[in-house]
Every structure is written in structure tokens, then in C-alpha cells.
Amino acid sequence: MDWLWPSNSPAVRTPADESGLEARYAYPDGLTRPWLRVNFVSSVDGAVTVEGRSRGLSTELDKEIFLLSRDLADVILVGLRTAVIEGYAGAKPGAQRRARRARHGLSAAPPIALVTTTCALDPESALLTDTRVPPIVFTCANAPAERRAALTAAGAEVVLTGEASVDLAVVLGELDRRGMRRIDCEGGPTLFGSLIAADLVDEVCLTVSPLLTSGDATRIAHGAHPDAPRSLRLDSVLHEDGALFLRYLRDQP
């Protein structure tokens, strides 16, 4: 496991230990607004899944960084389709990870914030039945009232953020109001595309897995076009076993 960038010189490779990872992936200090990090893994040829799931692309270090991002966040943001396909339950950090969260002044476990226009989540889902903290479901007024009521009865906090669609700027405002400014978004591609279009992405952590998959898998973001491409700057590059771990930050003017 080596840092390729930044380094003291092109010939220097600094071993990346656990404390180095934690420092490199830390959220900014003293946040006065929500900071949205998006986490994705992709094959070299751009596929976001293998046989429909992202886990076929993941490496051991990718899994470590995935959990680290959860441990450093106030809340985990995810779209309904991704949560269902990937079999999400509530976040349940073990003792070591809870200690890491405590060092950063965070709660024992981050809630899942689910984005859905339909509220088509089974009330028996593990997101509701296998969790330490209730999920927050961000939806819209057009979602069937009976589904919203069923999720509320199952323990979710259901929040309306628009009429026909979920207003993602309102979602971030609601999280900010709850003191949840460190946001770890785990996809999927439609949610990521909508966040790009709304110009809400501050950071992208992308693992490039050393695989060629072809097939019909989608890219990591799709949907509405932004008014212009969003500019990013490269913050760090980590390498292990042929995979690259790229961290990009919003390019501030």
C-alpha cells in the first residue's frame, strides 16, 4: 500500500498506514455547511457493477476505505435502488470503529439517509429491522401516503422535501439542521448524477479496480446534465495490488 500522490518526489513512495489513511480521508475541520463526499468503485473500463452489484469490483483496501468513510461521517446518504440491490442494513460499527468515531466526536453509529421518490421500501427491510439508529427517509409529496405511513410506523423518520421529486438541496439543508454536516454518499449512479446537476458534490473518492468487465453495467453517474461540467482537483492517489484509490475535491475558484 503506497501513496503515489502527494509525495516528496516522484521517486518517493510513502507507506500508507491506518493513521495516515484516517488523516488523508478526514473531513474538513470547522464545517459551517454540509460537506458531501461521494464514494464509488469502478472497473478500468468504467463499469460500476459486476453482475449487478458493486462488491464484485471491491478490493480489501476499497472495503477499508469504504468503512473509514462511514466512520468519519455524521450520516450515510444512499438512493433506494442501491440500498435494496446491495442489501443494506443499518450501520453497526464494532468496538474499534466506535472508538474511532468517538475520537472524532461522533455518535456511536451513523444513520442511513435514504433518498426515494416512491417510498417503495419494505417495512421489514433490514434498514428498519437491523439497525442501531432509525433511518431518515427523504421523499416527496407524490410518494403514496400509505407507504410513507408504513415506513413511519416501522420506525423511520420520513421527511418531505418536494412535490414530484426529492429536492436534494433541501435534503442537505435538513441534514445541516440536524447537525449532520459530514455526509458520506454511497450512490447509486442516479443519485450521484442528480447531485452533480445540483452542484452539491464537494468530494469524490473513486476506486479504480484492475478489471475489464464490458457488459451493460452503467457508469458511476448518469441522469440530468449540469449546466456545465464540474471542475475537480486531485488531492491524493493511493495504490495497492493494481487498484488506484483517487480522492478529488471541488475546485474552488
Protein backbone atom coordinates (compact mmCIF):
# COMPACT_ATOMS: atom_id res chain seq x y z
CA MET A 1 0.00 0.00 0.00
CA ASP A 2 1.75 3.16 -1.22
CA TRP A 3 0.93 6.83 -1.59
CA LEU A 4 1.68 7.86 -5.17
CA TRP A 5 0.48 11.42 -4.71
CA PRO A 6 1.30 13.63 -2.96
CA SER A 7 4.90 12.63 -2.28
CA ASN A 8 8.18 14.44 -1.65
CA SER A 9 9.43 13.46 -5.11
CA PRO A 10 8.30 11.18 -7.93
CA ALA A 11 10.73 8.53 -6.66
CA VAL A 12 9.46 8.52 -3.07
CA ARG A 13 6.73 6.08 -2.03
CA THR A 14 5.41 6.56 1.50
CA PRO A 15 3.70 3.54 3.13
CA ALA A 16 0.07 4.35 3.93
CA ASP A 17 -0.72 3.09 7.43
CA GLU A 18 -4.07 3.24 9.19
CA SER A 19 -3.42 6.60 10.85
CA GLY A 20 -2.27 8.00 7.51
CA LEU A 21 -5.49 6.84 5.89
CA GLU A 22 -7.58 8.40 8.62
CA ALA A 23 -5.78 11.73 8.27
CA ARG A 24 -5.97 11.69 4.46
CA TYR A 25 -9.69 10.91 4.37
CA ALA A 26 -10.72 13.20 7.23
CA TYR A 27 -13.48 15.71 6.59
CA PRO A 28 -12.52 19.40 6.82
CA ASP A 29 -12.41 20.86 10.32
CA GLY A 30 -14.85 23.54 11.46
CA LEU A 31 -17.52 22.93 8.84
CA THR A 32 -20.18 25.64 8.69
CA ARG A 33 -22.22 23.89 5.97
CA PRO A 34 -22.78 20.32 4.75
CA TRP A 35 -19.80 18.66 3.04
CA LEU A 36 -20.84 15.95 0.60
CA ARG A 37 -18.41 13.12 -0.14
CA VAL A 38 -19.33 10.58 -2.83
CA ASN A 39 -17.80 7.08 -2.68
CA PHE A 40 -17.67 4.81 -5.73
CA VAL A 41 -15.75 1.89 -7.21
CA SER A 42 -15.39 1.35 -10.95
CA SER A 43 -13.65 -1.10 -13.29
CA VAL A 44 -10.93 0.21 -15.62
CA ASP A 45 -13.46 0.17 -18.48
CA GLY A 46 -15.95 2.20 -16.45
CA ALA A 47 -18.40 -0.39 -15.12
CA VAL A 48 -19.95 0.36 -11.75
CA THR A 49 -21.09 -3.21 -11.07
CA VAL A 50 -20.32 -6.85 -11.81
CA GLU A 51 -23.44 -8.99 -12.16
CA GLY A 52 -25.48 -6.11 -10.83
CA ARG A 53 -23.52 -5.40 -7.64
CA SER A 54 -20.53 -3.26 -6.75
CA ARG A 55 -18.96 -5.86 -4.44
CA GLY A 56 -17.53 -7.74 -7.43
CA LEU A 57 -15.25 -4.74 -8.06
CA SER A 58 -14.20 -4.11 -4.48
CA THR A 59 -10.76 -4.88 -3.04
CA GLU A 60 -9.74 -5.29 0.59
CA LEU A 61 -8.40 -1.73 0.75
CA ASP A 62 -11.51 -0.42 -1.00
CA LYS A 63 -13.61 -2.05 1.73
CA GLU A 64 -11.36 -0.49 4.38
CA ILE A 65 -11.72 2.99 2.89
CA PHE A 66 -15.48 2.43 2.49
CA LEU A 67 -15.81 1.68 6.22
CA LEU A 68 -13.43 4.51 7.14
CA SER A 69 -15.61 6.99 5.24
CA ARG A 70 -18.61 5.72 7.18
CA ASP A 71 -16.70 6.04 10.46
CA LEU A 72 -15.78 9.67 9.77
CA ALA A 73 -19.29 10.73 8.69
CA ASP A 74 -22.32 12.05 10.54
CA VAL A 75 -24.70 10.34 8.11
CA ILE A 76 -24.70 7.91 5.17
CA LEU A 77 -26.70 9.06 2.15
CA VAL A 78 -27.92 6.47 -0.38
CA GLY A 79 -30.58 6.00 -3.02
CA LEU A 80 -33.32 3.42 -2.55
CA ARG A 81 -32.38 1.22 -5.53
CA THR A 82 -28.76 0.92 -4.39
CA ALA A 83 -29.80 0.17 -0.81
CA VAL A 84 -32.11 -2.63 -1.98
CA ILE A 85 -29.72 -4.17 -4.55
CA GLU A 86 -26.74 -4.09 -2.18
CA GLY A 87 -28.79 -5.46 0.73
CA TYR A 88 -28.31 -2.55 3.12
CA ALA A 89 -28.94 -2.82 6.83
CA GLY A 90 -28.23 -0.14 9.39
CA ALA A 91 -24.61 0.78 10.10
CA LYS A 92 -23.33 -1.24 13.06
CA PRO A 93 -19.69 -0.35 13.80
CA GLY A 94 -17.78 -2.69 16.12
CA ALA A 95 -15.92 -1.56 19.22
CA GLN A 96 -12.78 -0.41 17.39
CA ARG A 97 -14.76 1.60 14.87
CA ARG A 98 -16.98 3.08 17.58
CA ALA A 99 -13.81 4.20 19.37
CA ARG A 100 -12.62 5.88 16.18
CA ARG A 101 -15.94 7.70 15.86
CA ALA A 102 -15.74 8.75 19.50
CA ARG A 103 -12.27 10.26 18.89
CA HIS A 104 -13.88 12.47 16.26
CA GLY A 105 -16.79 13.45 18.50
CA LEU A 106 -19.32 11.40 16.53
CA SER A 107 -22.25 9.25 17.61
CA ALA A 108 -21.72 5.51 18.04
CA ALA A 109 -23.35 4.75 14.67
CA PRO A 110 -24.33 6.98 11.73
CA PRO A 111 -27.92 6.84 10.48
CA ILE A 112 -28.75 5.89 6.91
CA ALA A 113 -30.45 8.70 4.98
CA LEU A 114 -32.45 7.16 2.16
CA VAL A 115 -33.49 9.12 -0.95
CA THR A 116 -36.63 7.86 -2.70
CA THR A 117 -39.45 9.39 -4.73
CA THR A 118 -41.68 6.34 -4.20
CA CYS A 119 -41.09 5.19 -0.59
CA ALA A 120 -41.14 1.66 -2.02
CA LEU A 121 -39.12 0.23 0.85
CA ASP A 122 -40.41 -2.89 2.55
CA PRO A 123 -41.17 -2.04 6.20
CA GLU A 124 -39.49 -5.36 7.03
CA SER A 125 -36.26 -4.24 5.36
CA ALA A 126 -33.07 -4.66 7.40
CA LEU A 127 -32.68 -0.88 7.16
CA LEU A 128 -35.55 -0.76 9.64
CA THR A 129 -35.27 -4.06 11.49
CA ASP A 130 -31.48 -4.50 11.74
CA THR A 131 -30.16 -1.12 12.80
CA ARG A 132 -28.97 0.75 15.88
CA VAL A 133 -30.41 4.09 14.75
CA PRO A 134 -33.60 4.73 12.75
CA PRO A 135 -33.12 5.70 9.10
CA ILE A 136 -34.16 9.07 7.71
CA VAL A 137 -36.25 8.70 4.54
CA PHE A 138 -36.20 11.75 2.28
CA THR A 139 -39.10 11.61 -0.14
CA CYS A 140 -41.67 13.82 -1.85
CA ALA A 141 -45.36 14.56 -1.53
CA ASN A 142 -46.18 12.42 -4.58
CA ALA A 143 -44.99 9.27 -2.80
CA PRO A 144 -48.05 7.21 -1.81
CA ALA A 145 -49.31 8.30 1.59
CA GLU A 146 -49.83 4.70 2.72
CA ARG A 147 -46.18 3.85 2.03
CA ARG A 148 -45.00 6.91 3.91
CA ALA A 149 -47.23 5.97 6.84
CA ALA A 150 -45.98 2.36 6.81
CA LEU A 151 -42.34 3.47 7.00
CA THR A 152 -43.12 5.89 9.79
CA ALA A 153 -44.89 3.13 11.70
CA ALA A 154 -41.83 0.90 11.17
CA GLY A 155 -39.61 3.48 12.88
CA ALA A 156 -38.25 5.64 10.04
CA GLU A 157 -38.24 9.43 10.14
CA VAL A 158 -39.98 10.37 6.88
CA VAL A 159 -39.20 13.87 5.58
CA LEU A 160 -40.92 15.52 2.60
CA THR A 161 -38.53 17.62 0.53
CA GLY A 162 -40.53 18.41 -2.61
CA GLU A 163 -43.74 17.73 -4.52
CA ALA A 164 -42.94 15.47 -7.51
CA SER A 165 -39.28 14.80 -6.78
CA VAL A 166 -36.78 14.96 -3.94
CA ASP A 167 -35.10 18.37 -3.69
CA LEU A 168 -31.52 17.46 -2.85
CA ALA A 169 -30.60 20.96 -1.71
CA VAL A 170 -33.44 20.70 0.82
CA VAL A 171 -32.12 17.26 1.87
CA LEU A 172 -28.72 18.77 2.67
CA GLY A 173 -30.43 21.63 4.49
CA GLU A 174 -32.40 19.16 6.62
CA LEU A 175 -29.23 17.26 7.47
CA ASP A 176 -27.49 20.53 8.32
CA ARG A 177 -30.37 21.43 10.65
CA ARG A 178 -29.76 18.13 12.46
CA GLY A 179 -26.05 18.91 12.81
CA MET A 180 -25.13 16.27 10.19
CA ARG A 181 -22.64 18.12 8.01
CA ARG A 182 -20.22 15.28 7.20
CA ILE A 183 -22.18 13.37 4.56
CA ASP A 184 -20.95 10.12 3.03
CA CYS A 185 -22.89 9.36 -0.15
CA GLU A 186 -22.67 5.76 -1.37
CA GLY A 187 -24.68 6.16 -4.58
CA GLY A 188 -26.18 4.98 -6.70
CA PRO A 189 -25.47 6.45 -10.12
CA THR A 190 -28.83 8.22 -10.48
CA LEU A 191 -28.47 9.95 -7.12
CA PHE A 192 -24.86 10.87 -7.94
CA GLY A 193 -25.96 12.32 -11.29
CA SER A 194 -28.65 14.39 -9.61
CA LEU A 195 -26.16 15.68 -7.03
CA ILE A 196 -23.78 16.69 -9.84
CA ALA A 197 -26.59 18.50 -11.68
CA ALA A 198 -27.50 20.36 -8.47
CA ASP A 199 -23.80 21.25 -7.90
CA LEU A 200 -23.78 19.73 -4.42
CA VAL A 201 -20.70 17.47 -4.64
CA ASP A 202 -17.65 18.57 -2.63
CA GLU A 203 -15.53 15.43 -2.89
CA VAL A 204 -15.30 12.20 -4.88
CA CYS A 205 -13.45 9.12 -3.62
CA LEU A 206 -13.09 6.73 -6.55
CA THR A 207 -11.53 3.28 -6.52
CA VAL A 208 -10.40 2.09 -9.95
CA SER A 209 -10.39 -1.71 -9.77
CA PRO A 210 -7.93 -3.51 -12.09
CA LEU A 211 -10.65 -5.33 -14.02
CA LEU A 212 -12.17 -5.23 -17.50
CA THR A 213 -15.82 -6.26 -17.37
CA SER A 214 -17.56 -4.98 -20.52
CA GLY A 215 -21.25 -5.91 -20.37
CA ASP A 216 -24.12 -3.48 -19.88
CA ALA A 217 -23.24 -2.02 -16.47
CA THR A 218 -23.85 1.71 -16.11
CA ARG A 219 -21.27 4.40 -15.31
CA ILE A 220 -20.90 5.83 -11.79
CA ALA A 221 -23.17 8.80 -12.56
CA HIS A 222 -25.99 9.35 -15.02
CA GLY A 223 -29.08 11.46 -15.41
CA ALA A 224 -29.64 15.18 -15.83
CA HIS A 225 -26.85 17.25 -17.36
CA PRO A 226 -25.39 20.04 -15.21
CA ASP A 227 -25.32 23.50 -16.76
CA ALA A 228 -21.55 22.97 -17.15
CA PRO A 229 -19.06 20.23 -16.18
CA ARG A 230 -17.94 20.46 -12.56
CA SER A 231 -14.22 21.02 -12.08
CA LEU A 232 -12.29 18.93 -9.54
CA ARG A 233 -8.69 18.88 -8.34
CA LEU A 234 -6.75 15.75 -7.46
CA ASP A 235 -5.99 15.54 -3.73
CA SER A 236 -4.38 12.10 -3.36
CA VAL A 237 -3.61 8.82 -5.12
CA LEU A 238 -3.10 5.54 -3.28
CA HIS A 239 -2.09 2.25 -4.89
CA GLU A 240 -2.42 -1.36 -3.78
CA ASP A 241 -2.49 -4.61 -5.76
CA GLY A 242 -3.09 -2.86 -9.07
CA ALA A 243 -6.02 -0.78 -7.83
CA LEU A 244 -5.94 3.04 -7.62
CA PHE A 245 -7.68 5.00 -4.89
CA LEU A 246 -8.32 8.53 -6.09
CA ARG A 247 -9.57 11.42 -3.99
CA TYR A 248 -10.81 14.53 -5.76
CA LEU A 249 -12.04 17.79 -4.20
CA ARG A 250 -14.24 20.51 -5.63
CA ASP A 251 -12.07 23.01 -7.48
CA GLN A 252 -12.86 26.27 -5.70
CA PRO A 253 -12.46 29.47 -7.74
